[in-house]
Amino acid sequence: MIIFNELIEYDVIENNPIVGISKRKTIHRLRSIPPLDTRKKINEFLKENYYQFWLFMQIFFHSGSRITELIMVKAKDVDLSEQNFRVIMRKGKQYKEVNKPIKNIALKYWLEALQNAKTEDYVFSKGLLPGPLCIKSYQITKRWYRLVKKKLKINYDFYSLKHLNLDQTAELIDLKHASVLASHSSTEITYKHYALNESKRQNDKLKTLTNDFTTEII
């Protein structure tokens, strides 16, 4: 749809042939997140053998950001004293700057990543070190595929880390804060796509209700 709209705008075609075609109905599958023993295995392997990628993984996990947002962050976008960093987010056809929090637990990772970084350097450039060039997002998923999926035979994708962090945030604080961390426009998005165990947590709370058919609720 987007491509044909662009072609119409440049007068390449007169009509959009996609208009009127109904969207195919699909089943929304629940994304799985790596269990604790698997996370420990990944953590130990990457920290020992591929340290810079391990450091990026730690920052990504705690950031609530997309890969495309994180690789665009420059040293000047990070305020360690206020513990936040600025990203440019795309919402539909619009872009906006958003301040994201740096958790206390993640501050040490940012401090290390910014060592020797110049003001205009991207925090994660070539070799995932500070530098003047912006890398491509596929380089991250490609690394993960090669190092984790192939070498360790662990079949969880890189974005499962974001889902895990947001689900843990929803459990430790609440769904609203998880939504804020991810810069989602509503908690519905976080609930539907990221906080995978929120439904179970809500069901567990409902199970504890003690309202009885023959008593008044005070």
N, C-alpha and C. Protein backbone atom coordinates (compact mmCIF):
# COMPACT_ATOMS: atom_id res chain seq x y z
N MET A 1 0.83 -1.20 0.00
CA MET A 1 0.00 0.00 0.00
C MET A 1 0.87 1.26 0.00
N ILE A 2 1.90 1.27 0.86
CA ILE A 2 2.78 2.43 0.96
C ILE A 2 3.53 2.67 -0.33
N ILE A 3 4.03 1.59 -0.92
CA ILE A 3 4.80 1.71 -2.17
C ILE A 3 3.93 2.28 -3.29
N PHE A 4 2.71 1.75 -3.45
CA PHE A 4 1.83 2.24 -4.51
C PHE A 4 1.39 3.68 -4.26
N ASN A 5 1.21 4.07 -3.00
CA ASN A 5 0.89 5.46 -2.69
C ASN A 5 2.01 6.39 -3.12
N GLU A 6 3.24 5.93 -2.92
CA GLU A 6 4.39 6.73 -3.36
C GLU A 6 4.41 6.85 -4.88
N LEU A 7 4.10 5.77 -5.58
CA LEU A 7 4.09 5.79 -7.04
C LEU A 7 3.02 6.75 -7.57
N ILE A 8 1.87 6.79 -6.89
CA ILE A 8 0.82 7.74 -7.28
C ILE A 8 1.28 9.17 -7.08
N GLU A 9 1.97 9.41 -5.96
CA GLU A 9 2.44 10.76 -5.65
C GLU A 9 3.40 11.28 -6.71
N TYR A 10 4.21 10.36 -7.27
CA TYR A 10 5.18 10.76 -8.31
C TYR A 10 4.62 10.58 -9.73
N ASP A 11 3.29 10.36 -9.81
CA ASP A 11 2.61 10.24 -11.10
C ASP A 11 3.11 9.08 -11.96
N VAL A 12 3.60 8.06 -11.32
CA VAL A 12 4.04 6.86 -12.05
C VAL A 12 2.82 6.04 -12.46
N ILE A 13 1.83 5.98 -11.57
CA ILE A 13 0.57 5.29 -11.85
C ILE A 13 -0.59 6.21 -11.47
N GLU A 14 -1.77 5.90 -11.98
CA GLU A 14 -2.92 6.75 -11.70
C GLU A 14 -3.76 6.24 -10.54
N ASN A 15 -3.82 4.92 -10.36
CA ASN A 15 -4.65 4.33 -9.31
C ASN A 15 -3.86 3.32 -8.50
N ASN A 16 -4.28 3.17 -7.25
CA ASN A 16 -3.65 2.18 -6.37
C ASN A 16 -4.42 0.86 -6.48
N PRO A 17 -3.82 -0.15 -7.09
CA PRO A 17 -4.53 -1.42 -7.29
C PRO A 17 -4.74 -2.21 -6.00
N ILE A 18 -4.10 -1.79 -4.92
CA ILE A 18 -4.21 -2.51 -3.65
C ILE A 18 -5.48 -2.13 -2.90
N VAL A 19 -5.97 -0.92 -3.18
CA VAL A 19 -7.16 -0.44 -2.48
C VAL A 19 -8.33 -1.41 -2.73
N GLY A 20 -9.03 -1.76 -1.70
CA GLY A 20 -10.19 -2.65 -1.84
C GLY A 20 -9.87 -4.10 -1.55
N ILE A 21 -8.58 -4.45 -1.49
CA ILE A 21 -8.20 -5.82 -1.16
C ILE A 21 -8.21 -5.97 0.35
N SER A 22 -9.03 -6.85 0.85
CA SER A 22 -9.14 -7.01 2.30
C SER A 22 -7.88 -7.66 2.86
N LYS A 23 -7.54 -7.25 4.08
CA LYS A 23 -6.36 -7.79 4.74
C LYS A 23 -6.62 -9.23 5.17
N ARG A 24 -5.67 -10.10 4.90
CA ARG A 24 -5.82 -11.50 5.26
C ARG A 24 -5.85 -11.65 6.78
N LYS A 25 -6.79 -12.41 7.28
CA LYS A 25 -6.88 -12.64 8.71
C LYS A 25 -5.82 -13.65 9.13
N THR A 26 -5.14 -13.32 10.21
CA THR A 26 -4.09 -14.19 10.70
C THR A 26 -4.31 -14.45 12.19
N ILE A 27 -3.66 -15.49 12.68
CA ILE A 27 -3.71 -15.81 14.11
C ILE A 27 -2.53 -15.15 14.79
N HIS A 28 -2.80 -14.37 15.83
CA HIS A 28 -1.72 -13.73 16.58
C HIS A 28 -1.10 -14.76 17.52
N ARG A 29 0.13 -15.16 17.22
CA ARG A 29 0.82 -16.16 18.02
C ARG A 29 1.56 -15.49 19.17
N LEU A 30 1.53 -16.13 20.34
CA LEU A 30 2.27 -15.61 21.48
C LEU A 30 3.76 -15.82 21.26
N ARG A 31 4.53 -14.76 21.50
CA ARG A 31 5.98 -14.85 21.38
C ARG A 31 6.55 -15.50 22.64
N SER A 32 7.49 -16.38 22.46
CA SER A 32 8.12 -17.03 23.62
C SER A 32 9.36 -16.25 24.04
N ILE A 33 9.65 -16.27 25.32
CA ILE A 33 10.82 -15.57 25.84
C ILE A 33 11.75 -16.59 26.49
N PRO A 34 13.05 -16.37 26.42
CA PRO A 34 14.01 -17.36 26.93
C PRO A 34 13.92 -17.52 28.44
N PRO A 35 13.91 -18.76 28.93
CA PRO A 35 13.89 -19.00 30.39
C PRO A 35 15.23 -18.64 31.02
N LEU A 36 15.26 -18.64 32.33
CA LEU A 36 16.43 -18.17 33.07
C LEU A 36 17.70 -18.94 32.72
N ASP A 37 17.63 -20.27 32.66
CA ASP A 37 18.84 -21.04 32.37
C ASP A 37 19.40 -20.72 30.99
N THR A 38 18.51 -20.48 30.04
CA THR A 38 18.95 -20.12 28.68
C THR A 38 19.59 -18.74 28.68
N ARG A 39 19.01 -17.81 29.42
CA ARG A 39 19.56 -16.46 29.50
C ARG A 39 20.95 -16.47 30.13
N LYS A 40 21.12 -17.30 31.14
CA LYS A 40 22.44 -17.41 31.78
C LYS A 40 23.48 -17.95 30.80
N LYS A 41 23.07 -18.91 30.01
CA LYS A 41 23.98 -19.51 29.02
C LYS A 41 24.39 -18.48 27.98
N ILE A 42 23.42 -17.71 27.48
CA ILE A 42 23.70 -16.66 26.50
C ILE A 42 24.61 -15.61 27.10
N ASN A 43 24.30 -15.20 28.32
CA ASN A 43 25.06 -14.14 28.99
C ASN A 43 26.53 -14.53 29.17
N GLU A 44 26.76 -15.72 29.67
CA GLU A 44 28.12 -16.17 29.92
C GLU A 44 28.91 -16.32 28.63
N PHE A 45 28.27 -16.88 27.60
CA PHE A 45 28.95 -17.11 26.33
C PHE A 45 29.35 -15.80 25.65
N LEU A 46 28.41 -14.86 25.58
CA LEU A 46 28.71 -13.59 24.91
C LEU A 46 29.69 -12.74 25.70
N LYS A 47 29.56 -12.72 27.01
CA LYS A 47 30.46 -11.91 27.83
C LYS A 47 31.90 -12.40 27.72
N GLU A 48 32.07 -13.70 27.63
CA GLU A 48 33.41 -14.28 27.56
C GLU A 48 34.02 -14.18 26.16
N ASN A 49 33.18 -14.31 25.14
CA ASN A 49 33.72 -14.42 23.77
C ASN A 49 33.44 -13.22 22.86
N TYR A 50 32.38 -12.51 23.10
CA TYR A 50 32.01 -11.39 22.21
C TYR A 50 31.54 -10.23 23.08
N TYR A 51 32.49 -9.62 23.77
CA TYR A 51 32.17 -8.68 24.85
C TYR A 51 31.37 -7.48 24.37
N GLN A 52 31.73 -6.87 23.25
CA GLN A 52 31.03 -5.67 22.79
C GLN A 52 29.58 -5.97 22.43
N PHE A 53 29.35 -7.14 21.88
CA PHE A 53 27.98 -7.52 21.57
C PHE A 53 27.21 -7.78 22.86
N TRP A 54 27.89 -8.36 23.85
CA TRP A 54 27.27 -8.56 25.16
C TRP A 54 26.87 -7.23 25.78
N LEU A 55 27.75 -6.24 25.66
CA LEU A 55 27.47 -4.91 26.21
C LEU A 55 26.27 -4.28 25.50
N PHE A 56 26.22 -4.41 24.18
CA PHE A 56 25.06 -3.89 23.44
C PHE A 56 23.80 -4.61 23.88
N MET A 57 23.86 -5.92 24.06
CA MET A 57 22.70 -6.70 24.48
C MET A 57 22.17 -6.21 25.82
N GLN A 58 23.07 -5.94 26.75
CA GLN A 58 22.66 -5.47 28.08
C GLN A 58 21.94 -4.12 27.98
N ILE A 59 22.49 -3.21 27.21
CA ILE A 59 21.88 -1.89 27.07
C ILE A 59 20.55 -1.99 26.34
N PHE A 60 20.50 -2.80 25.30
CA PHE A 60 19.25 -3.00 24.57
C PHE A 60 18.17 -3.58 25.47
N PHE A 61 18.54 -4.59 26.24
CA PHE A 61 17.57 -5.25 27.12
C PHE A 61 16.91 -4.26 28.08
N HIS A 62 17.71 -3.39 28.67
CA HIS A 62 17.18 -2.46 29.68
C HIS A 62 16.56 -1.21 29.08
N SER A 63 16.77 -0.96 27.80
CA SER A 63 16.39 0.33 27.21
C SER A 63 14.91 0.46 26.86
N GLY A 64 14.26 -0.66 26.50
CA GLY A 64 12.89 -0.59 26.01
C GLY A 64 12.81 0.00 24.61
N SER A 65 13.93 0.04 23.91
CA SER A 65 14.00 0.65 22.58
C SER A 65 14.03 -0.40 21.48
N ARG A 66 13.83 0.07 20.25
CA ARG A 66 14.04 -0.77 19.07
C ARG A 66 15.51 -0.73 18.70
N ILE A 67 15.96 -1.73 17.96
CA ILE A 67 17.35 -1.73 17.48
C ILE A 67 17.61 -0.49 16.64
N THR A 68 16.67 -0.17 15.74
CA THR A 68 16.85 0.97 14.83
C THR A 68 16.99 2.28 15.60
N GLU A 69 16.35 2.38 16.74
CA GLU A 69 16.46 3.60 17.56
C GLU A 69 17.80 3.64 18.28
N LEU A 70 18.21 2.51 18.83
CA LEU A 70 19.41 2.47 19.66
C LEU A 70 20.69 2.71 18.85
N ILE A 71 20.73 2.18 17.64
CA ILE A 71 21.96 2.36 16.84
C ILE A 71 22.09 3.78 16.31
N MET A 72 21.03 4.58 16.41
CA MET A 72 21.08 5.97 15.97
C MET A 72 21.49 6.93 17.09
N VAL A 73 21.62 6.41 18.30
CA VAL A 73 21.96 7.26 19.45
C VAL A 73 23.43 7.69 19.37
N LYS A 74 23.65 9.00 19.50
CA LYS A 74 25.00 9.55 19.54
C LYS A 74 25.36 9.88 20.99
N ALA A 75 26.65 10.06 21.21
CA ALA A 75 27.12 10.37 22.57
C ALA A 75 26.45 11.62 23.12
N LYS A 76 26.20 12.59 22.26
CA LYS A 76 25.57 13.84 22.69
C LYS A 76 24.11 13.65 23.11
N ASP A 77 23.52 12.52 22.72
CA ASP A 77 22.12 12.23 23.06
C ASP A 77 21.97 11.61 24.44
N VAL A 78 23.08 11.29 25.08
CA VAL A 78 23.06 10.60 26.37
C VAL A 78 23.41 11.56 27.49
N ASP A 79 22.55 11.65 28.48
CA ASP A 79 22.78 12.49 29.65
C ASP A 79 22.90 11.57 30.86
N LEU A 80 24.14 11.26 31.22
CA LEU A 80 24.37 10.32 32.31
C LEU A 80 23.98 10.90 33.67
N SER A 81 24.12 12.21 33.83
CA SER A 81 23.78 12.83 35.12
C SER A 81 22.28 12.74 35.39
N GLU A 82 21.48 12.89 34.32
CA GLU A 82 20.03 12.79 34.45
C GLU A 82 19.52 11.37 34.20
N GLN A 83 20.42 10.52 33.77
CA GLN A 83 20.10 9.12 33.46
C GLN A 83 18.99 8.99 32.42
N ASN A 84 19.23 9.59 31.26
CA ASN A 84 18.32 9.40 30.15
C ASN A 84 19.08 9.52 28.83
N PHE A 85 18.47 9.04 27.77
CA PHE A 85 19.05 9.19 26.43
C PHE A 85 17.91 9.50 25.46
N ARG A 86 18.25 10.21 24.42
CA ARG A 86 17.25 10.67 23.46
C ARG A 86 17.29 9.82 22.20
N VAL A 87 16.10 9.39 21.76
CA VAL A 87 15.99 8.64 20.52
C VAL A 87 14.97 9.32 19.62
N ILE A 88 15.08 9.04 18.33
CA ILE A 88 14.09 9.52 17.38
C ILE A 88 13.20 8.35 17.03
N MET A 89 11.93 8.48 17.35
CA MET A 89 10.96 7.42 17.11
C MET A 89 10.09 7.75 15.92
N ARG A 90 9.77 6.72 15.14
CA ARG A 90 8.85 6.90 14.02
C ARG A 90 7.48 6.38 14.43
N LYS A 91 6.50 7.24 14.35
CA LYS A 91 5.11 6.88 14.60
C LYS A 91 4.31 7.15 13.33
N GLY A 92 4.02 6.08 12.58
CA GLY A 92 3.36 6.26 11.29
C GLY A 92 4.31 6.96 10.33
N LYS A 93 3.89 8.11 9.83
CA LYS A 93 4.72 8.87 8.89
C LYS A 93 5.46 10.01 9.60
N GLN A 94 5.30 10.10 10.91
CA GLN A 94 5.91 11.19 11.65
C GLN A 94 7.06 10.70 12.52
N TYR A 95 7.99 11.61 12.79
CA TYR A 95 9.12 11.31 13.65
C TYR A 95 9.08 12.25 14.86
N LYS A 96 9.46 11.75 16.01
CA LYS A 96 9.53 12.61 17.18
C LYS A 96 10.66 12.16 18.10
N GLU A 97 11.22 13.12 18.84
CA GLU A 97 12.27 12.81 19.80
C GLU A 97 11.64 12.43 21.14
N VAL A 98 12.22 11.42 21.75
CA VAL A 98 11.71 10.94 23.03
C VAL A 98 12.88 10.71 23.98
N ASN A 99 12.72 11.14 25.23
CA ASN A 99 13.72 10.83 26.25
C ASN A 99 13.39 9.50 26.90
N LYS A 100 14.38 8.62 26.92
CA LYS A 100 14.20 7.29 27.51
C LYS A 100 15.03 7.21 28.80
N PRO A 101 14.52 6.53 29.81
CA PRO A 101 15.26 6.44 31.07
C PRO A 101 16.39 5.43 31.01
N ILE A 102 17.44 5.73 31.75
CA ILE A 102 18.52 4.77 31.96
C ILE A 102 18.38 4.23 33.37
N LYS A 103 18.09 2.95 33.50
CA LYS A 103 17.92 2.36 34.82
C LYS A 103 19.23 2.44 35.62
N ASN A 104 19.09 2.45 36.92
CA ASN A 104 20.28 2.42 37.78
C ASN A 104 21.15 1.20 37.46
N ILE A 105 20.50 0.08 37.24
CA ILE A 105 21.23 -1.16 36.97
C ILE A 105 21.97 -1.13 35.63
N ALA A 106 21.50 -0.29 34.71
CA ALA A 106 22.11 -0.22 33.38
C ALA A 106 23.10 0.93 33.23
N LEU A 107 23.21 1.79 34.24
CA LEU A 107 24.09 2.97 34.14
C LEU A 107 25.54 2.57 33.88
N LYS A 108 25.99 1.52 34.54
CA LYS A 108 27.38 1.07 34.37
C LYS A 108 27.66 0.64 32.93
N TYR A 109 26.66 0.08 32.26
CA TYR A 109 26.85 -0.35 30.88
C TYR A 109 26.99 0.87 29.95
N TRP A 110 26.17 1.88 30.18
CA TRP A 110 26.27 3.11 29.38
C TRP A 110 27.61 3.81 29.62
N LEU A 111 28.05 3.85 30.86
CA LEU A 111 29.35 4.47 31.18
C LEU A 111 30.47 3.78 30.41
N GLU A 112 30.42 2.48 30.37
CA GLU A 112 31.45 1.72 29.66
C GLU A 112 31.35 1.93 28.15
N ALA A 113 30.14 1.92 27.63
CA ALA A 113 29.95 2.08 26.18
C ALA A 113 30.40 3.45 25.69
N LEU A 114 30.32 4.44 26.55
CA LEU A 114 30.66 5.82 26.15
C LEU A 114 32.13 6.17 26.35
N GLN A 115 32.90 5.24 26.84
CA GLN A 115 34.33 5.51 27.04
C GLN A 115 34.98 5.88 25.70
N ASN A 116 35.72 6.98 25.71
CA ASN A 116 36.45 7.47 24.54
C ASN A 116 35.54 7.94 23.40
N ALA A 117 34.26 8.10 23.66
CA ALA A 117 33.34 8.55 22.62
C ALA A 117 33.41 10.07 22.47
N LYS A 118 33.45 10.52 21.22
CA LYS A 118 33.37 11.95 20.93
C LYS A 118 31.91 12.36 20.87
N THR A 119 31.67 13.65 21.00
CA THR A 119 30.30 14.16 21.08
C THR A 119 29.43 13.70 19.93
N GLU A 120 29.96 13.73 18.72
CA GLU A 120 29.17 13.39 17.53
C GLU A 120 29.24 11.92 17.15
N ASP A 121 29.95 11.14 17.93
CA ASP A 121 30.06 9.70 17.64
C ASP A 121 28.75 8.98 17.92
N TYR A 122 28.45 8.00 17.09
CA TYR A 122 27.39 7.05 17.43
C TYR A 122 27.93 6.16 18.54
N VAL A 123 27.11 5.87 19.52
CA VAL A 123 27.56 5.04 20.64
C VAL A 123 27.95 3.65 20.16
N PHE A 124 27.18 3.12 19.21
CA PHE A 124 27.46 1.79 18.66
C PHE A 124 27.72 1.90 17.16
N SER A 125 28.97 2.06 16.84
CA SER A 125 29.37 2.16 15.43
C SER A 125 30.06 0.85 15.03
N LYS A 126 31.03 0.90 14.17
CA LYS A 126 31.71 -0.30 13.69
C LYS A 126 32.33 -1.05 14.87
N GLY A 127 32.07 -2.37 14.91
CA GLY A 127 32.56 -3.18 16.01
C GLY A 127 31.80 -2.94 17.30
N LEU A 128 30.67 -2.21 17.20
CA LEU A 128 29.84 -1.83 18.34
C LEU A 128 30.61 -0.97 19.33
N LEU A 129 31.57 -0.21 18.80
CA LEU A 129 32.33 0.78 19.56
C LEU A 129 31.93 2.17 19.08
N PRO A 130 32.17 3.22 19.88
CA PRO A 130 31.85 4.58 19.44
C PRO A 130 32.59 4.93 18.16
N GLY A 131 31.90 5.59 17.25
CA GLY A 131 32.52 5.95 15.98
C GLY A 131 31.62 6.83 15.14
N PRO A 132 32.12 7.29 13.99
CA PRO A 132 31.38 8.25 13.16
C PRO A 132 30.35 7.63 12.23
N LEU A 133 30.37 6.31 12.07
CA LEU A 133 29.47 5.66 11.12
C LEU A 133 28.29 4.99 11.82
N CYS A 134 27.12 5.11 11.20
CA CYS A 134 25.93 4.45 11.74
C CYS A 134 25.80 3.06 11.10
N ILE A 135 25.73 2.04 11.92
CA ILE A 135 25.60 0.69 11.40
C ILE A 135 24.14 0.40 11.03
N LYS A 136 23.92 -0.71 10.37
CA LYS A 136 22.58 -1.12 9.98
C LYS A 136 21.99 -2.07 11.03
N SER A 137 20.69 -2.01 11.18
CA SER A 137 20.04 -2.84 12.22
C SER A 137 20.22 -4.33 11.95
N TYR A 138 20.29 -4.72 10.68
CA TYR A 138 20.41 -6.15 10.37
C TYR A 138 21.73 -6.73 10.89
N GLN A 139 22.73 -5.85 11.13
CA GLN A 139 24.00 -6.33 11.65
C GLN A 139 23.84 -6.91 13.06
N ILE A 140 22.89 -6.39 13.80
CA ILE A 140 22.63 -6.89 15.14
C ILE A 140 21.93 -8.25 15.07
N THR A 141 20.86 -8.32 14.30
CA THR A 141 20.12 -9.59 14.20
C THR A 141 20.98 -10.66 13.53
N LYS A 142 21.85 -10.24 12.62
CA LYS A 142 22.76 -11.20 11.97
C LYS A 142 23.76 -11.77 12.97
N ARG A 143 24.30 -10.90 13.84
CA ARG A 143 25.21 -11.36 14.89
C ARG A 143 24.50 -12.36 15.80
N TRP A 144 23.28 -12.00 16.20
CA TRP A 144 22.53 -12.86 17.11
C TRP A 144 22.28 -14.23 16.47
N TYR A 145 21.92 -14.23 15.20
CA TYR A 145 21.67 -15.48 14.49
C TYR A 145 22.93 -16.34 14.45
N ARG A 146 24.04 -15.70 14.15
CA ARG A 146 25.30 -16.44 14.00
C ARG A 146 25.84 -16.94 15.33
N LEU A 147 25.78 -16.10 16.35
CA LEU A 147 26.42 -16.42 17.62
C LEU A 147 25.52 -17.19 18.58
N VAL A 148 24.24 -16.88 18.59
CA VAL A 148 23.33 -17.49 19.55
C VAL A 148 22.53 -18.64 18.93
N LYS A 149 21.89 -18.34 17.81
CA LYS A 149 21.05 -19.38 17.20
C LYS A 149 21.88 -20.51 16.59
N LYS A 150 22.97 -20.16 15.92
CA LYS A 150 23.78 -21.18 15.25
C LYS A 150 24.76 -21.86 16.21
N LYS A 151 25.54 -21.04 16.93
CA LYS A 151 26.58 -21.61 17.79
C LYS A 151 26.01 -22.27 19.04
N LEU A 152 25.06 -21.61 19.67
CA LEU A 152 24.51 -22.14 20.91
C LEU A 152 23.26 -23.00 20.70
N LYS A 153 22.74 -22.99 19.47
CA LYS A 153 21.53 -23.76 19.16
C LYS A 153 20.35 -23.31 20.03
N ILE A 154 20.27 -22.01 20.25
CA ILE A 154 19.19 -21.43 21.05
C ILE A 154 18.26 -20.68 20.12
N ASN A 155 17.03 -21.12 20.04
CA ASN A 155 16.11 -20.62 19.02
C ASN A 155 15.17 -19.53 19.54
N TYR A 156 15.74 -18.47 20.11
CA TYR A 156 14.98 -17.28 20.50
C TYR A 156 15.56 -16.10 19.74
N ASP A 157 14.68 -15.24 19.21
CA ASP A 157 15.22 -14.12 18.45
C ASP A 157 15.61 -12.98 19.38
N PHE A 158 16.35 -12.02 18.84
CA PHE A 158 16.92 -10.94 19.64
C PHE A 158 15.84 -10.10 20.30
N TYR A 159 14.72 -9.89 19.59
CA TYR A 159 13.66 -9.04 20.13
C TYR A 159 12.92 -9.68 21.29
N SER A 160 13.14 -10.97 21.53
CA SER A 160 12.52 -11.59 22.70
C SER A 160 13.06 -10.97 23.98
N LEU A 161 14.24 -10.35 23.90
CA LEU A 161 14.82 -9.68 25.08
C LEU A 161 14.00 -8.46 25.46
N LYS A 162 13.52 -7.73 24.45
CA LYS A 162 12.67 -6.57 24.72
C LYS A 162 11.36 -7.01 25.34
N HIS A 163 10.77 -8.07 24.81
CA HIS A 163 9.52 -8.60 25.36
C HIS A 163 9.73 -9.04 26.82
N LEU A 164 10.86 -9.67 27.08
CA LEU A 164 11.16 -10.14 28.42
C LEU A 164 11.26 -8.96 29.39
N ASN A 165 11.98 -7.92 29.01
CA ASN A 165 12.17 -6.76 29.88
C ASN A 165 10.85 -6.06 30.18
N LEU A 166 10.02 -5.87 29.17
CA LEU A 166 8.75 -5.19 29.38
C LEU A 166 7.80 -6.04 30.23
N ASP A 167 7.85 -7.35 30.04
CA ASP A 167 7.01 -8.23 30.85
C ASP A 167 7.46 -8.19 32.31
N GLN A 168 8.77 -8.19 32.54
CA GLN A 168 9.29 -8.11 33.90
C GLN A 168 8.95 -6.76 34.54
N THR A 169 9.01 -5.69 33.74
CA THR A 169 8.66 -4.36 34.24
C THR A 169 7.20 -4.30 34.66
N ALA A 170 6.33 -4.90 33.83
CA ALA A 170 4.90 -4.94 34.17
C ALA A 170 4.67 -5.72 35.45
N GLU A 171 5.46 -6.74 35.68
CA GLU A 171 5.30 -7.54 36.89
C GLU A 171 5.86 -6.82 38.12
N LEU A 172 7.02 -6.17 37.97
CA LEU A 172 7.68 -5.52 39.10
C LEU A 172 7.01 -4.20 39.49
N ILE A 173 6.51 -3.45 38.50
CA ILE A 173 5.82 -2.19 38.79
C ILE A 173 4.36 -2.32 38.35
N ASP A 174 4.11 -2.04 37.08
CA ASP A 174 2.77 -2.25 36.51
C ASP A 174 2.85 -2.08 35.00
N LEU A 175 1.74 -2.36 34.35
CA LEU A 175 1.68 -2.33 32.89
C LEU A 175 1.91 -0.91 32.35
N LYS A 176 1.42 0.08 33.08
CA LYS A 176 1.57 1.47 32.65
C LYS A 176 3.03 1.88 32.55
N HIS A 177 3.83 1.50 33.53
CA HIS A 177 5.26 1.83 33.50
C HIS A 177 5.99 1.07 32.40
N ALA A 178 5.57 -0.16 32.15
CA ALA A 178 6.15 -0.92 31.04
C ALA A 178 5.86 -0.22 29.72
N SER A 179 4.66 0.32 29.59
CA SER A 179 4.28 1.05 28.39
C SER A 179 5.10 2.32 28.22
N VAL A 180 5.36 3.02 29.33
CA VAL A 180 6.18 4.23 29.30
C VAL A 180 7.60 3.88 28.88
N LEU A 181 8.15 2.81 29.42
CA LEU A 181 9.51 2.39 29.07
C LEU A 181 9.65 2.12 27.58
N ALA A 182 8.62 1.54 26.99
CA ALA A 182 8.65 1.22 25.56
C ALA A 182 8.21 2.39 24.69
N SER A 183 7.77 3.50 25.33
CA SER A 183 7.25 4.68 24.62
C SER A 183 6.05 4.31 23.74
N HIS A 184 5.22 3.41 24.25
CA HIS A 184 4.01 3.05 23.54
C HIS A 184 2.93 4.10 23.79
N SER A 185 2.06 4.29 22.81
CA SER A 185 1.00 5.29 22.92
C SER A 185 -0.11 4.85 23.86
N SER A 186 -0.19 3.56 24.16
CA SER A 186 -1.20 3.06 25.07
C SER A 186 -0.72 1.77 25.71
N THR A 187 -1.31 1.44 26.87
CA THR A 187 -0.97 0.18 27.52
C THR A 187 -1.49 -1.01 26.73
N GLU A 188 -2.47 -0.77 25.87
CA GLU A 188 -3.04 -1.86 25.08
C GLU A 188 -1.98 -2.51 24.19
N ILE A 189 -1.13 -1.68 23.60
CA ILE A 189 -0.06 -2.20 22.73
C ILE A 189 0.90 -3.07 23.54
N THR A 190 1.28 -2.57 24.72
CA THR A 190 2.20 -3.32 25.58
C THR A 190 1.58 -4.62 26.03
N TYR A 191 0.32 -4.55 26.40
CA TYR A 191 -0.39 -5.73 26.88
C TYR A 191 -0.54 -6.79 25.78
N LYS A 192 -0.88 -6.34 24.59
CA LYS A 192 -1.17 -7.26 23.49
C LYS A 192 0.08 -7.91 22.92
N HIS A 193 1.17 -7.14 22.85
CA HIS A 193 2.34 -7.64 22.11
C HIS A 193 3.58 -7.92 22.97
N TYR A 194 3.67 -7.34 24.18
CA TYR A 194 4.94 -7.42 24.91
C TYR A 194 4.84 -8.04 26.30
N ALA A 195 3.89 -7.61 27.10
CA ALA A 195 3.77 -8.14 28.46
C ALA A 195 3.09 -9.50 28.41
N LEU A 196 3.86 -10.49 28.05
CA LEU A 196 3.31 -11.78 27.68
C LEU A 196 2.62 -12.50 28.82
N ASN A 197 3.05 -12.25 30.03
CA ASN A 197 2.48 -12.95 31.19
C ASN A 197 1.48 -12.09 31.96
N GLU A 198 1.17 -10.90 31.44
CA GLU A 198 0.25 -10.02 32.15
C GLU A 198 -1.14 -10.64 32.28
N SER A 199 -1.59 -11.31 31.24
CA SER A 199 -2.89 -11.96 31.29
C SER A 199 -2.95 -13.01 32.40
N LYS A 200 -1.87 -13.77 32.52
CA LYS A 200 -1.80 -14.79 33.59
C LYS A 200 -1.79 -14.13 34.95
N ARG A 201 -1.05 -13.03 35.08
CA ARG A 201 -1.00 -12.33 36.37
C ARG A 201 -2.38 -11.79 36.75
N GLN A 202 -3.08 -11.26 35.76
CA GLN A 202 -4.42 -10.75 36.03
C GLN A 202 -5.37 -11.89 36.40
N ASN A 203 -5.25 -13.00 35.71
CA ASN A 203 -6.10 -14.16 36.04
C ASN A 203 -5.81 -14.68 37.44
N ASP A 204 -4.52 -14.67 37.82
CA ASP A 204 -4.16 -15.14 39.16
C ASP A 204 -4.74 -14.24 40.24
N LYS A 205 -4.76 -12.93 39.98
CA LYS A 205 -5.37 -12.00 40.94
C LYS A 205 -6.87 -12.23 41.03
N LEU A 206 -7.49 -12.47 39.88
CA LEU A 206 -8.93 -12.71 39.88
C LEU A 206 -9.30 -13.97 40.66
N LYS A 207 -8.42 -14.94 40.64
CA LYS A 207 -8.68 -16.18 41.37
C LYS A 207 -8.75 -15.96 42.88
N THR A 208 -8.13 -14.90 43.36
CA THR A 208 -8.08 -14.66 44.80
C THR A 208 -9.28 -13.88 45.32
N LEU A 209 -10.17 -13.43 44.43
CA LEU A 209 -11.34 -12.66 44.86
C LEU A 209 -12.25 -13.51 45.76
N THR A 210 -12.80 -12.87 46.78
CA THR A 210 -13.61 -13.62 47.75
C THR A 210 -15.07 -13.18 47.78
N ASN A 211 -15.51 -12.48 46.72
CA ASN A 211 -16.93 -12.06 46.69
C ASN A 211 -17.82 -13.29 46.61
N ASP A 212 -18.80 -13.33 47.54
CA ASP A 212 -19.69 -14.48 47.64
C ASP A 212 -21.10 -14.09 47.16
N PHE A 213 -21.81 -15.08 46.64
CA PHE A 213 -23.17 -14.85 46.11
C PHE A 213 -24.12 -14.29 47.16
N THR A 214 -23.92 -14.66 48.40
CA THR A 214 -24.88 -14.30 49.46
C THR A 214 -24.38 -13.20 50.40
N THR A 215 -23.30 -12.51 50.03
CA THR A 215 -22.77 -11.46 50.90
C THR A 215 -22.64 -10.15 50.14
N GLU A 216 -22.68 -9.03 50.89
CA GLU A 216 -22.48 -7.72 50.32
C GLU A 216 -21.00 -7.39 50.30
N ILE A 217 -20.61 -6.62 49.29
CA ILE A 217 -19.22 -6.15 49.22
C ILE A 217 -19.13 -4.82 49.95
N ILE A 218 -18.28 -4.75 50.94
CA ILE A 218 -18.14 -3.53 51.73
C ILE A 218 -16.88 -2.78 51.30
